[in-house]
C-alpha cells in the first residue's frame, strides 16, 4: 500500500477504510487493510479492533470476528457487542451454551450489559425448547441493571418479539403498555405478536389504534404484519384498504408486501385480485411469490390452475422447493387430481432432487386418502422415508371416516393418541368411533383415561366480522346479545332441512 510521504495514515484512516469495506462487502480489501494495520501496529487500539470485527461480521467471516476478539488486549463493551451481534447477523438463531458462556464471561470481566447488548441477545431467545430461561434471565438482568425498558423503545420491542416467539401474549402486552414512548417498531412488534398468536381481532384493533390515537403511520413491515390477521378473520374489505394504503405510500413494489397481499386475497375469497397482483410485471417475483399464488389456487380447490402455474414457474427457470411442492400437491389433493399429483411428486424427487419431508408426505397421503385409495395411502406411510406426524394421521383419519374404512380410522386415531397423548380431541374422536360401533366398554375406558389425565375438549368456536366488529360463537353459547334471533333462525332452518330430508346433527348446539 503506497502513501504520500507528507501523509501518515493513522488509526482513524484504518477505521474509515474498514467501514467502507463493510458497506461494500469487500472482504478481500478488508483483509489487506487488516494486514497493513498489523504491520503498522495499529490493532492494539480497541476502537480500531472493534471496527475490524464489525467489518468481518458484515462480510460474513465470523471465525475471523472471534479471532480478532480474542487478540484484543483491552476489550470494551463495544467489543462484546460486536461479537454477540455477529450471532444474529450470521443467521444462527440459537441461544446455545457457548453464547451464554460468552455473556457470563463478559460479566466476569466487569463489563455490564447495555441496551445494545440485550438487543443483540434477545433475538437469539425464544426458539425451540430450552431457550425460554435464557430470555427470562436476560429480562431479569435488564430489570436488575436498572435499564429503563419503559423509555428504551428498541429494547422494549425486542422483548415483545422474544415473548411473541414463546406465544406469551400477556407478558408482551404488559411490556408494551409500560412503554412511555412508542415508535412504529414498537407498535408493529405488538401487532405481529397478536397476529402470530391467534389474536387477529386484537391485532386489527391495535392497528387502527396506532393510527387514530397516536397518529403513527404504519410502515411496510406494519402492513406485512397485519395482513395475516385479515387472512384469519376473512375481512377482505380491510385487506383492500391496507392494499390501497400501500399504493398511496408507494410501498406497492415491495416484493414481500406483494407476496403478503397475494396470500391475503387468496384466503379471503379474492383469488382473481390475487392473480392480478401476481401478474404485475413492475416488480421482480421471487420463489415466495410463485408459491403464494400456487398455494392460493390449491386452497381454493383449483388444482388445474395450480399445476399450470407450477409448470410455468419451472419453465421460467425457478427451481421448485419443498414449499412450492407442498402447495401444488395440496391443490391436487383438494381437486382429486391424483394422477397429476403422483407425476409431480415423482418429477420433484427424481428430476429436481427434492428430498421428501413429512409435510410433502402428508400431502401425498391426503391426496390418496381423499380419493378413496385408503389402503394405498397406508402403504405409502409404511414406505415413506420420514416418520409420520399428527397432521398426516389426521388427514388419514378424516378420509377414512368419509369413506367408511373403520379399521384404518381406528389405526389413525390410536397413532394420534400415541403422538399427542395430551390432546383431548384425539380421545374424543376415538371414543365417538367406538360409540358408533356400540363398543361401550372401550368408550368408558377412554373417558376414564381422559378424566385421569385431566383432559377436557375445548368447545368449538366460530366468528364473523361485521362493520369492523368481530362476533364469536361457541357451542351452546347464548351470551351474544342477538342469541334469541340467531336461535330462532336456526330453528327455521332446521324445519326447512327436515322437509328436504337433510337433518343436521344439532346435539350440543341448542
Protein backbone atom coordinates (compact mmCIF):
# COMPACT_ATOMS: atom_id res chain seq x y z
CA UNK A 1 0.00 0.00 0.00
CA UNK A 2 1.52 3.34 -1.08
CA UNK A 3 1.21 6.55 0.92
CA UNK A 4 2.25 10.12 0.30
CA UNK A 5 5.39 10.98 2.29
CA UNK A 6 3.68 14.01 3.84
CA UNK A 7 0.64 11.98 4.94
CA UNK A 8 0.90 9.49 7.81
CA UNK A 9 -2.04 7.09 7.98
CA UNK A 10 -3.35 6.57 11.50
CA UNK A 11 -5.94 4.56 13.36
CA UNK A 12 -8.71 6.81 12.10
CA UNK A 13 -7.70 6.10 8.49
CA UNK A 14 -7.82 2.35 9.04
CA UNK A 15 -11.17 2.56 10.85
CA UNK A 16 -12.63 4.56 7.96
CA UNK A 17 -11.36 2.02 5.44
CA UNK A 18 -12.82 -0.88 7.45
CA UNK A 19 -16.19 0.89 7.47
CA UNK A 20 -16.07 1.34 3.69
CA UNK A 21 -15.24 -2.35 3.23
CA UNK A 22 -18.21 -3.23 5.46
CA UNK A 23 -20.60 -1.13 3.42
CA UNK A 24 -19.50 -2.52 0.05
CA UNK A 25 -18.95 -6.06 1.38
CA UNK A 26 -15.40 -6.32 0.04
CA UNK A 27 -13.74 -8.91 2.30
CA UNK A 28 -10.56 -9.12 0.19
CA UNK A 29 -9.69 -5.44 0.52
CA UNK A 30 -10.64 -5.58 4.20
CA UNK A 31 -8.13 -8.39 4.77
CA UNK A 32 -5.43 -6.36 3.00
CA UNK A 33 -6.09 -3.38 5.28
CA UNK A 34 -6.05 -5.76 8.26
CA UNK A 35 -2.54 -6.96 7.31
CA UNK A 36 -1.33 -3.41 6.78
CA UNK A 37 -2.76 -2.32 10.15
CA UNK A 38 -0.96 -5.22 11.84
CA UNK A 39 2.37 -4.15 10.32
CA UNK A 40 1.75 -0.58 11.44
CA UNK A 41 0.95 -1.74 14.98
CA UNK A 42 -2.49 -0.09 14.99
CA UNK A 43 -4.56 -3.08 16.19
CA UNK A 44 -3.59 -2.56 19.83
CA UNK A 45 -6.21 0.20 19.70
CA UNK A 46 -9.55 -1.19 20.94
CA UNK A 47 -11.71 1.10 18.81
CA UNK A 48 -9.88 0.09 15.63
CA UNK A 49 -10.13 -3.60 16.54
CA UNK A 50 -13.87 -3.18 17.04
CA UNK A 51 -14.14 -1.66 13.54
CA UNK A 52 -12.22 -4.62 12.14
CA UNK A 53 -14.57 -7.06 13.89
CA UNK A 54 -17.60 -5.22 12.52
CA UNK A 55 -16.13 -5.44 9.01
CA UNK A 56 -15.59 -9.21 9.26
CA UNK A 57 -19.07 -9.66 10.73
CA UNK A 58 -20.81 -7.77 7.91
CA UNK A 59 -18.74 -9.61 5.31
CA UNK A 60 -19.78 -12.98 6.76
CA UNK A 61 -16.40 -14.09 8.10
CA UNK A 62 -17.48 -14.91 11.66
CA UNK A 63 -14.49 -17.08 12.53
CA UNK A 64 -12.28 -14.03 11.94
CA UNK A 65 -14.53 -11.97 14.22
CA UNK A 66 -13.77 -14.33 17.09
CA UNK A 67 -10.03 -14.41 16.29
CA UNK A 68 -9.76 -10.62 16.39
CA UNK A 69 -11.85 -10.51 19.58
CA UNK A 70 -9.57 -13.00 21.34
CA UNK A 71 -6.50 -10.89 20.43
CA UNK A 72 -7.82 -7.56 21.76
CA UNK A 73 -5.68 -6.63 24.79
CA UNK A 74 -8.33 -4.43 26.45
CA UNK A 75 -11.93 -5.20 25.47
CA UNK A 76 -14.66 -2.61 25.78
CA UNK A 77 -18.41 -3.14 25.97
CA UNK A 78 -18.49 -2.33 22.24
CA UNK A 79 -16.11 -5.26 21.61
CA UNK A 80 -18.53 -7.65 23.28
CA UNK A 81 -21.49 -6.11 21.49
CA UNK A 82 -19.89 -6.57 18.06
CA UNK A 83 -19.11 -10.21 18.86
CA UNK A 84 -22.58 -11.02 20.20
CA UNK A 85 -24.39 -9.17 17.40
CA UNK A 86 -22.43 -11.34 14.97
CA UNK A 87 -24.50 -14.33 16.08
CA UNK A 88 -27.65 -12.56 14.84
CA UNK A 89 -26.03 -11.37 11.60
CA UNK A 90 -24.81 -14.91 10.90
CA UNK A 91 -28.41 -16.18 10.94
CA UNK A 92 -27.51 -18.66 13.70
CA UNK A 93 -30.72 -18.08 15.64
CA UNK A 94 -29.95 -20.39 18.53
CA UNK A 95 -29.06 -19.35 22.04
CA UNK A 96 -26.68 -22.22 22.77
CA UNK A 97 -24.45 -22.76 25.77
CA UNK A 98 -21.44 -21.20 24.02
CA UNK A 99 -23.36 -17.94 23.62
CA UNK A 100 -24.43 -18.00 27.26
CA UNK A 101 -20.84 -18.65 28.38
CA UNK A 102 -19.77 -15.51 26.49
CA UNK A 103 -22.43 -13.48 28.31
CA UNK A 104 -21.20 -14.79 31.67
CA UNK A 105 -17.57 -14.16 30.75
CA UNK A 106 -18.48 -10.61 29.79
CA UNK A 107 -19.96 -10.02 33.24
CA UNK A 108 -16.98 -11.70 34.97
CA UNK A 109 -14.69 -9.21 33.24
CA UNK A 110 -16.74 -6.40 34.74
CA UNK A 111 -18.49 -5.32 31.56
CA UNK A 112 -22.19 -4.60 32.12
CA UNK A 113 -24.85 -5.45 29.60
CA UNK A 114 -26.18 -2.32 27.94
CA UNK A 115 -29.18 -1.70 25.67
CA UNK A 116 -27.23 -2.70 22.56
CA UNK A 117 -26.09 -5.97 24.19
CA UNK A 118 -29.55 -7.13 25.17
CA UNK A 119 -30.95 -6.03 21.80
CA UNK A 120 -28.40 -8.36 20.21
CA UNK A 121 -29.13 -11.24 22.57
CA UNK A 122 -32.93 -11.18 22.68
CA UNK A 123 -33.42 -12.23 19.02
CA UNK A 124 -31.49 -15.40 19.87
CA UNK A 125 -34.02 -16.34 22.57
CA UNK A 126 -37.42 -17.89 22.19
CA UNK A 127 -36.82 -20.59 19.58
CA UNK A 128 -37.45 -24.23 20.39
CA UNK A 129 -37.18 -25.81 23.81
CA UNK A 130 -34.67 -24.93 26.44
CA UNK A 131 -34.26 -21.31 25.33
CA UNK A 132 -37.03 -19.80 27.44
CA UNK A 133 -34.98 -19.48 30.62
CA UNK A 134 -32.28 -17.51 28.82
CA UNK A 135 -34.80 -14.97 27.58
CA UNK A 136 -36.34 -14.62 31.02
CA UNK A 137 -32.90 -14.32 32.63
CA UNK A 138 -31.96 -11.52 30.24
CA UNK A 139 -35.23 -9.77 31.10
CA UNK A 140 -34.28 -10.06 34.80
CA UNK A 141 -30.80 -8.68 34.05
CA UNK A 142 -32.43 -5.71 32.33
CA UNK A 143 -34.57 -5.00 35.40
CA UNK A 144 -31.76 -5.56 37.93
CA UNK A 145 -29.39 -3.41 35.89
CA UNK A 146 -31.92 -0.59 36.11
CA UNK A 147 -32.04 -0.39 32.34
CA UNK A 148 -35.06 1.73 31.52
CA UNK A 149 -37.09 -0.56 29.28
CA UNK A 150 -40.09 1.76 29.55
CA UNK A 151 -38.25 4.51 27.69
CA UNK A 152 -35.87 2.42 25.55
CA UNK A 153 -38.08 1.65 22.58
CA UNK A 154 -35.68 -0.74 20.87
CA UNK A 155 -35.12 -2.93 23.93
CA UNK A 156 -38.86 -2.99 24.63
CA UNK A 157 -39.60 -4.02 21.04
CA UNK A 158 -37.01 -6.81 21.23
CA UNK A 159 -38.61 -8.09 24.46
CA UNK A 160 -42.06 -8.10 22.83
CA UNK A 161 -40.64 -10.02 19.88
CA UNK A 162 -38.97 -12.53 22.21
CA UNK A 163 -42.19 -13.17 24.14
CA UNK A 164 -44.05 -13.48 20.84
CA UNK A 165 -41.84 -16.41 19.86
CA UNK A 166 -42.83 -18.06 23.12
CA UNK A 167 -46.52 -17.28 22.49
CA UNK A 168 -46.70 -15.27 25.71
CA UNK A 169 -49.21 -12.62 24.64
CA UNK A 170 -49.91 -11.36 28.16
CA UNK A 171 -46.26 -10.62 29.01
CA UNK A 172 -45.69 -8.96 25.64
CA UNK A 173 -48.70 -6.70 26.16
CA UNK A 174 -47.54 -5.75 29.67
CA UNK A 175 -44.21 -4.58 28.29
CA UNK A 176 -45.96 -2.69 25.50
CA UNK A 177 -48.35 -0.94 27.90
CA UNK A 178 -45.47 0.18 30.15
CA UNK A 179 -43.53 1.78 27.31
CA UNK A 180 -43.63 5.57 27.78
CA UNK A 181 -42.61 6.27 24.20
CA UNK A 182 -43.60 4.07 21.30
CA UNK A 183 -42.42 4.29 17.74
CA UNK A 184 -43.65 2.41 14.69
CA UNK A 185 -41.32 -0.52 15.53
CA UNK A 186 -42.92 -0.98 18.96
CA UNK A 187 -46.45 -0.85 17.55
CA UNK A 188 -45.52 -3.26 14.76
CA UNK A 189 -43.94 -5.71 17.23
CA UNK A 190 -47.12 -5.80 19.29
CA UNK A 191 -49.36 -6.12 16.22
CA UNK A 192 -47.20 -9.01 14.99
CA UNK A 193 -47.41 -10.67 18.42
CA UNK A 194 -51.21 -10.65 18.25
CA UNK A 195 -51.38 -11.70 14.58
CA UNK A 196 -48.95 -14.61 15.04
CA UNK A 197 -50.61 -15.96 18.18
CA UNK A 198 -54.25 -16.26 17.19
CA UNK A 199 -55.42 -12.81 18.34
CA UNK A 200 -56.29 -11.44 14.91
CA UNK A 201 -59.14 -9.24 16.13
CA UNK A 202 -56.85 -7.58 18.69
CA UNK A 203 -54.18 -7.10 16.03
CA UNK A 204 -56.63 -5.22 13.82
CA UNK A 205 -57.88 -3.13 16.75
CA UNK A 206 -54.31 -2.19 17.66
CA UNK A 207 -53.52 -1.38 14.03
CA UNK A 208 -56.40 1.12 13.98
CA UNK A 209 -55.46 2.46 17.42
CA UNK A 210 -51.90 3.10 16.28
CA UNK A 211 -53.15 5.47 13.58
CA UNK A 212 -56.14 7.06 15.31
CA UNK A 213 -54.86 7.51 18.87
CA UNK A 214 -51.12 8.00 18.42
CA UNK A 215 -51.20 9.33 14.86
CA UNK A 216 -48.49 6.82 13.94
CA UNK A 217 -48.26 5.95 10.26
CA UNK A 218 -47.66 2.24 9.58
CA UNK A 219 -44.61 1.32 7.53
CA UNK A 220 -44.09 -1.58 5.12
CA UNK A 221 -43.35 -4.06 7.95
CA UNK A 222 -46.52 -2.96 9.77
CA UNK A 223 -48.61 -3.78 6.72
CA UNK A 224 -46.93 -7.16 6.25
CA UNK A 225 -47.56 -7.93 9.95
CA UNK A 226 -51.26 -7.06 9.89
CA UNK A 227 -52.24 -8.82 6.65
CA UNK A 228 -52.19 -12.34 8.21
CA UNK A 229 -54.80 -11.08 10.69
CA UNK A 230 -57.05 -10.27 7.73
CA UNK A 231 -56.48 -13.83 6.49
CA UNK A 232 -57.60 -15.37 9.78
CA UNK A 233 -60.76 -13.29 10.06
CA UNK A 234 -61.57 -13.26 6.35
CA UNK A 235 -62.02 -9.50 6.32
CA UNK A 236 -61.48 -8.79 2.63
CA UNK A 237 -62.55 -5.14 2.85
CA UNK A 238 -59.90 -4.29 5.45
CA UNK A 239 -57.34 -6.12 3.36
CA UNK A 240 -58.29 -3.95 0.39
CA UNK A 241 -57.93 -0.82 2.50
CA UNK A 242 -54.42 -1.87 3.50
CA UNK A 243 -53.66 -2.52 -0.16
CA UNK A 244 -54.88 0.97 -1.06
CA UNK A 245 -52.78 2.50 1.71
CA UNK A 246 -49.70 0.65 0.40
CA UNK A 247 -50.29 2.13 -3.06
CA UNK A 248 -50.65 5.66 -1.67
CA UNK A 249 -47.44 5.31 0.33
CA UNK A 250 -45.59 3.81 -2.65
CA UNK A 251 -44.88 0.54 -0.85
CA UNK A 252 -46.60 -1.26 -3.70
CA UNK A 253 -43.47 -2.53 -5.43
CA UNK A 254 -42.02 -4.16 -2.30
CA UNK A 255 -41.95 -7.88 -3.15
CA UNK A 256 -42.50 -9.05 0.45
CA UNK A 257 -45.61 -6.87 0.78
CA UNK A 258 -46.99 -8.04 -2.56
CA UNK A 259 -46.46 -11.66 -1.50
CA UNK A 260 -48.44 -10.97 1.68
CA UNK A 261 -51.21 -9.36 -0.40
CA UNK A 262 -51.38 -12.38 -2.71
CA UNK A 263 -51.72 -14.63 0.33
CA UNK A 264 -54.37 -12.40 1.91
CA UNK A 265 -56.55 -12.15 -1.21
CA UNK A 266 -56.28 -15.91 -1.83
CA UNK A 267 -57.52 -16.72 1.68
CA UNK A 268 -60.22 -14.04 1.80
CA UNK A 269 -62.07 -15.03 -1.38
CA UNK A 270 -60.35 -12.58 -3.72
CA UNK A 271 -58.48 -15.10 -5.87
CA UNK A 272 -58.87 -13.06 -9.08
CA UNK A 273 -57.42 -9.98 -7.36
CA UNK A 274 -54.55 -12.10 -6.04
CA UNK A 275 -53.76 -13.15 -9.61
CA UNK A 276 -53.82 -9.53 -10.80
CA UNK A 277 -51.32 -8.63 -8.07
CA UNK A 278 -49.17 -11.59 -9.08
CA UNK A 279 -49.29 -10.69 -12.79
CA UNK A 280 -47.97 -7.18 -12.10
CA UNK A 281 -44.78 -7.02 -14.17
CA UNK A 282 -43.44 -3.93 -12.40
CA UNK A 283 -41.81 -5.98 -9.65
CA UNK A 284 -39.44 -8.95 -9.67
CA UNK A 285 -41.18 -12.09 -8.40
CA UNK A 286 -39.28 -14.41 -6.06
CA UNK A 287 -39.95 -18.04 -5.14
CA UNK A 288 -42.37 -16.95 -2.40
CA UNK A 289 -44.44 -15.02 -4.97
CA UNK A 290 -44.93 -18.14 -7.08
CA UNK A 291 -45.56 -20.29 -4.03
CA UNK A 292 -48.17 -17.87 -2.62
CA UNK A 293 -50.14 -17.86 -5.87
CA UNK A 294 -49.87 -21.65 -6.35
CA UNK A 295 -50.98 -22.13 -2.74
CA UNK A 296 -53.88 -19.74 -3.33
CA UNK A 297 -55.17 -21.89 -6.17
CA UNK A 298 -54.66 -25.01 -4.07
CA UNK A 299 -56.55 -23.64 -1.04
CA UNK A 300 -59.46 -22.70 -3.29
CA UNK A 301 -59.65 -26.15 -4.88
CA UNK A 302 -58.31 -25.07 -8.28
CA UNK A 303 -55.77 -27.82 -8.76
CA UNK A 304 -55.60 -27.39 -12.54
CA UNK A 305 -54.59 -23.74 -12.29
CA UNK A 306 -52.08 -24.61 -9.54
CA UNK A 307 -50.43 -27.21 -11.79
CA UNK A 308 -50.29 -24.84 -14.77
CA UNK A 309 -48.65 -22.13 -12.68
CA UNK A 310 -46.24 -24.66 -11.16
CA UNK A 311 -45.13 -25.74 -14.64
CA UNK A 312 -44.84 -22.11 -15.74
CA UNK A 313 -42.61 -21.41 -12.74
CA UNK A 314 -40.27 -24.24 -13.72
CA UNK A 315 -40.22 -23.02 -17.32
CA UNK A 316 -39.25 -19.58 -16.02
CA UNK A 317 -36.08 -21.10 -14.59
CA UNK A 318 -37.16 -21.10 -10.95
CA UNK A 319 -36.36 -24.39 -9.24
CA UNK A 320 -39.16 -25.76 -7.05
CA UNK A 321 -38.54 -26.26 -3.34
CA UNK A 322 -40.34 -28.06 -0.52
CA UNK A 323 -42.85 -25.24 -0.06
CA UNK A 324 -43.86 -24.99 -3.72
CA UNK A 325 -44.21 -28.77 -3.91
CA UNK A 326 -46.46 -28.82 -0.83
CA UNK A 327 -48.58 -26.04 -2.34
CA UNK A 328 -49.18 -27.74 -5.67
CA UNK A 329 -49.76 -31.18 -4.10
CA UNK A 330 -52.34 -29.64 -1.74
CA UNK A 331 -54.15 -28.29 -4.79
CA UNK A 332 -54.10 -31.73 -6.40
CA UNK A 333 -55.49 -33.27 -3.20
CA UNK A 334 -58.37 -30.81 -2.96
CA UNK A 335 -59.21 -31.21 -6.65
CA UNK A 336 -58.98 -35.01 -6.78
CA UNK A 337 -56.13 -34.88 -9.33
CA UNK A 338 -54.32 -37.99 -8.10
CA UNK A 339 -52.53 -38.98 -11.32
CA UNK A 340 -51.21 -35.47 -11.85
CA UNK A 341 -50.11 -35.26 -8.22
CA UNK A 342 -48.22 -38.53 -8.40
CA UNK A 343 -46.42 -37.36 -11.56
CA UNK A 344 -45.45 -34.04 -9.94
CA UNK A 345 -44.19 -35.83 -6.82
CA UNK A 346 -42.11 -38.26 -8.86
CA UNK A 347 -40.63 -35.47 -11.00
CA UNK A 348 -39.80 -33.34 -7.96
CA UNK A 349 -37.97 -36.21 -6.27
CA UNK A 350 -36.19 -37.64 -9.30
CA UNK A 351 -35.65 -34.61 -11.57
CA UNK A 352 -35.30 -31.72 -9.13
CA UNK A 353 -33.63 -33.54 -6.25
CA UNK A 354 -36.17 -32.55 -3.61
CA UNK A 355 -35.96 -34.75 -0.52
CA UNK A 356 -39.34 -35.89 0.84
CA UNK A 357 -40.30 -34.13 4.07
CA UNK A 358 -43.09 -35.02 6.45
CA UNK A 359 -45.14 -32.12 5.02
CA UNK A 360 -44.73 -33.40 1.46
CA UNK A 361 -45.59 -36.95 2.52
CA UNK A 362 -48.66 -35.64 4.39
CA UNK A 363 -49.90 -34.07 1.16
CA UNK A 364 -49.43 -37.37 -0.68
CA UNK A 365 -51.33 -39.30 1.99
CA UNK A 366 -54.10 -36.69 1.98
CA UNK A 367 -54.33 -36.82 -1.81
CA UNK A 368 -54.57 -40.63 -1.94
CA UNK A 369 -56.93 -40.89 1.02
CA UNK A 370 -59.33 -38.20 -0.20
CA UNK A 371 -59.73 -40.06 -3.49
CA UNK A 372 -60.74 -43.21 -1.60
CA UNK A 373 -57.41 -45.02 -2.01
CA UNK A 374 -57.13 -45.59 1.75
CA UNK A 375 -55.04 -48.75 1.61
CA UNK A 376 -52.67 -47.21 -0.91
CA UNK A 377 -52.25 -44.21 1.41
CA UNK A 378 -51.49 -46.59 4.29
CA UNK A 379 -48.87 -48.38 2.19
CA UNK A 380 -47.30 -45.02 1.34
CA UNK A 381 -46.99 -44.26 5.07
CA UNK A 382 -45.23 -47.59 5.66
CA UNK A 383 -42.64 -46.94 2.93
CA UNK A 384 -42.03 -43.20 3.25
CA UNK A 385 -38.55 -42.13 4.46
CA UNK A 386 -39.77 -39.90 7.32
CA UNK A 387 -41.77 -40.56 10.46
CA UNK A 388 -45.48 -39.63 10.22
CA UNK A 389 -46.68 -36.61 12.20
CA UNK A 390 -50.13 -35.78 13.66
CA UNK A 391 -51.16 -33.86 10.54
CA UNK A 392 -50.58 -36.94 8.39
CA UNK A 393 -52.58 -39.26 10.63
CA UNK A 394 -55.27 -36.58 10.91
CA UNK A 395 -55.66 -36.49 7.14
CA UNK A 396 -55.90 -40.28 7.01
CA UNK A 397 -58.46 -40.44 9.83
CA UNK A 398 -60.70 -37.85 8.19
CA UNK A 399 -60.60 -39.57 4.81
CA UNK A 400 -61.15 -42.99 6.41
CA UNK A 401 -64.27 -41.69 8.15
CA UNK A 402 -65.51 -40.19 4.88
CA UNK A 403 -65.07 -43.47 3.01
CA UNK A 404 -66.21 -45.73 5.87
CA UNK A 405 -62.93 -47.56 6.47
CA UNK A 406 -63.28 -48.23 10.21
CA UNK A 407 -60.08 -50.26 10.59
CA UNK A 408 -57.80 -47.58 9.19
CA UNK A 409 -59.75 -44.90 11.04
CA UNK A 410 -59.12 -46.72 14.33
CA UNK A 411 -55.42 -47.12 13.49
CA UNK A 412 -55.13 -43.40 12.71
CA UNK A 413 -56.77 -42.32 15.97
CA UNK A 414 -54.59 -44.67 18.03
CA UNK A 415 -51.50 -43.31 16.29
CA UNK A 416 -52.64 -39.76 17.06
CA UNK A 417 -53.07 -40.61 20.75
CA UNK A 418 -49.58 -42.09 20.79
CA UNK A 419 -48.10 -38.95 19.20
CA UNK A 420 -50.24 -36.46 21.15
CA UNK A 421 -51.15 -38.08 24.48
CA UNK A 422 -52.26 -34.74 25.95
CA UNK A 423 -54.60 -33.76 23.10
CA UNK A 424 -58.20 -34.40 24.23
CA UNK A 425 -59.60 -34.21 20.68
CA UNK A 426 -57.92 -37.49 19.76
CA UNK A 427 -59.52 -39.33 22.69
CA UNK A 428 -62.95 -37.88 21.91
CA UNK A 429 -62.67 -38.82 18.23
CA UNK A 430 -61.70 -42.43 19.02
CA UNK A 431 -64.40 -42.59 21.69
CA UNK A 432 -67.02 -41.44 19.16
CA UNK A 433 -65.82 -44.09 16.73
CA UNK A 434 -66.22 -46.85 19.32
CA UNK A 435 -69.60 -45.43 20.32
CA UNK A 436 -70.79 -45.71 16.71
CA UNK A 437 -69.70 -49.38 16.87
CA UNK A 438 -71.54 -49.77 20.21
CA UNK A 439 -68.33 -50.80 21.98
CA UNK A 440 -69.35 -49.06 25.19
CA UNK A 441 -66.76 -50.75 27.38
CA UNK A 442 -63.93 -49.19 25.32
CA UNK A 443 -65.73 -45.83 25.33
CA UNK A 444 -65.89 -45.91 29.13
CA UNK A 445 -62.21 -46.82 29.35
CA UNK A 446 -61.21 -43.88 27.11
CA UNK A 447 -63.34 -41.50 29.15
CA UNK A 448 -61.64 -42.73 32.35
CA UNK A 449 -58.23 -42.13 30.78
CA UNK A 450 -59.24 -38.59 29.85
CA UNK A 451 -60.51 -37.92 33.34
CA UNK A 452 -57.35 -39.37 34.90
CA UNK A 453 -55.18 -37.09 32.74
CA UNK A 454 -57.39 -34.08 33.46
CA UNK A 455 -58.18 -33.63 29.76
CA UNK A 456 -61.25 -31.77 28.58
CA UNK A 457 -62.08 -30.98 24.99
CA UNK A 458 -62.46 -27.28 24.24
CA UNK A 459 -65.76 -26.20 22.75
CA UNK A 460 -65.86 -25.42 19.05
CA UNK A 461 -65.83 -21.74 18.13
CA UNK A 462 -66.51 -19.70 15.01
CA UNK A 463 -66.59 -15.99 14.28
CA UNK A 464 -67.70 -13.44 11.74
CA UNK A 465 -66.72 -9.79 11.23
CA UNK A 466 -69.45 -7.24 10.52
CA UNK A 467 -68.80 -3.47 10.33
CA UNK A 468 -65.30 -3.79 11.79
CA UNK A 469 -66.63 -5.76 14.78
CA UNK A 470 -65.85 -9.44 15.35
CA UNK A 471 -68.63 -11.67 16.72
CA UNK A 472 -67.58 -15.01 18.27
CA UNK A 473 -69.86 -18.03 18.83
CA UNK A 474 -69.16 -21.17 20.86
CA UNK A 475 -71.10 -24.42 21.07
CA UNK A 476 -74.33 -23.93 23.08
CA UNK A 477 -73.37 -20.28 23.55
CA UNK A 478 -76.20 -17.87 24.42
CA UNK A 479 -74.14 -14.90 25.59
CA UNK A 480 -74.42 -12.97 22.34
CA UNK A 481 -76.97 -10.15 22.58
CA UNK A 482 -78.70 -11.39 19.42
CA UNK A 483 -78.89 -15.03 20.60
CA UNK A 484 -82.74 -15.22 20.59
CA UNK A 485 -82.89 -14.10 16.96
CA UNK A 486 -80.00 -16.39 15.96
CA UNK A 487 -81.58 -19.48 17.52
CA UNK A 488 -84.95 -18.57 16.03
CA UNK A 489 -83.34 -18.50 12.59
CA UNK A 490 -81.60 -21.83 13.30
CA UNK A 491 -84.92 -23.42 14.26
CA UNK A 492 -86.47 -22.19 11.00
CA UNK A 493 -83.55 -23.62 9.03
CA UNK A 494 -83.88 -26.98 10.82
CA UNK A 495 -87.55 -27.17 9.83
CA UNK A 496 -86.63 -26.43 6.20
CA UNK A 497 -83.82 -29.03 6.20
CA UNK A 498 -86.10 -31.66 7.75
CA UNK A 499 -88.58 -31.02 4.99
CA UNK A 500 -85.87 -31.65 2.38
CA UNK A 501 -84.61 -34.76 4.16
CA UNK A 502 -81.33 -33.15 5.26
CA UNK A 503 -81.44 -33.35 9.05
CA UNK A 504 -78.36 -31.85 10.77
CA UNK A 505 -76.85 -33.20 13.97
CA UNK A 506 -77.75 -30.44 16.43
CA UNK A 507 -76.56 -32.20 19.59
CA UNK A 508 -74.91 -29.72 21.90
CA UNK A 509 -75.95 -26.72 19.82
CA UNK A 510 -79.34 -25.93 21.32
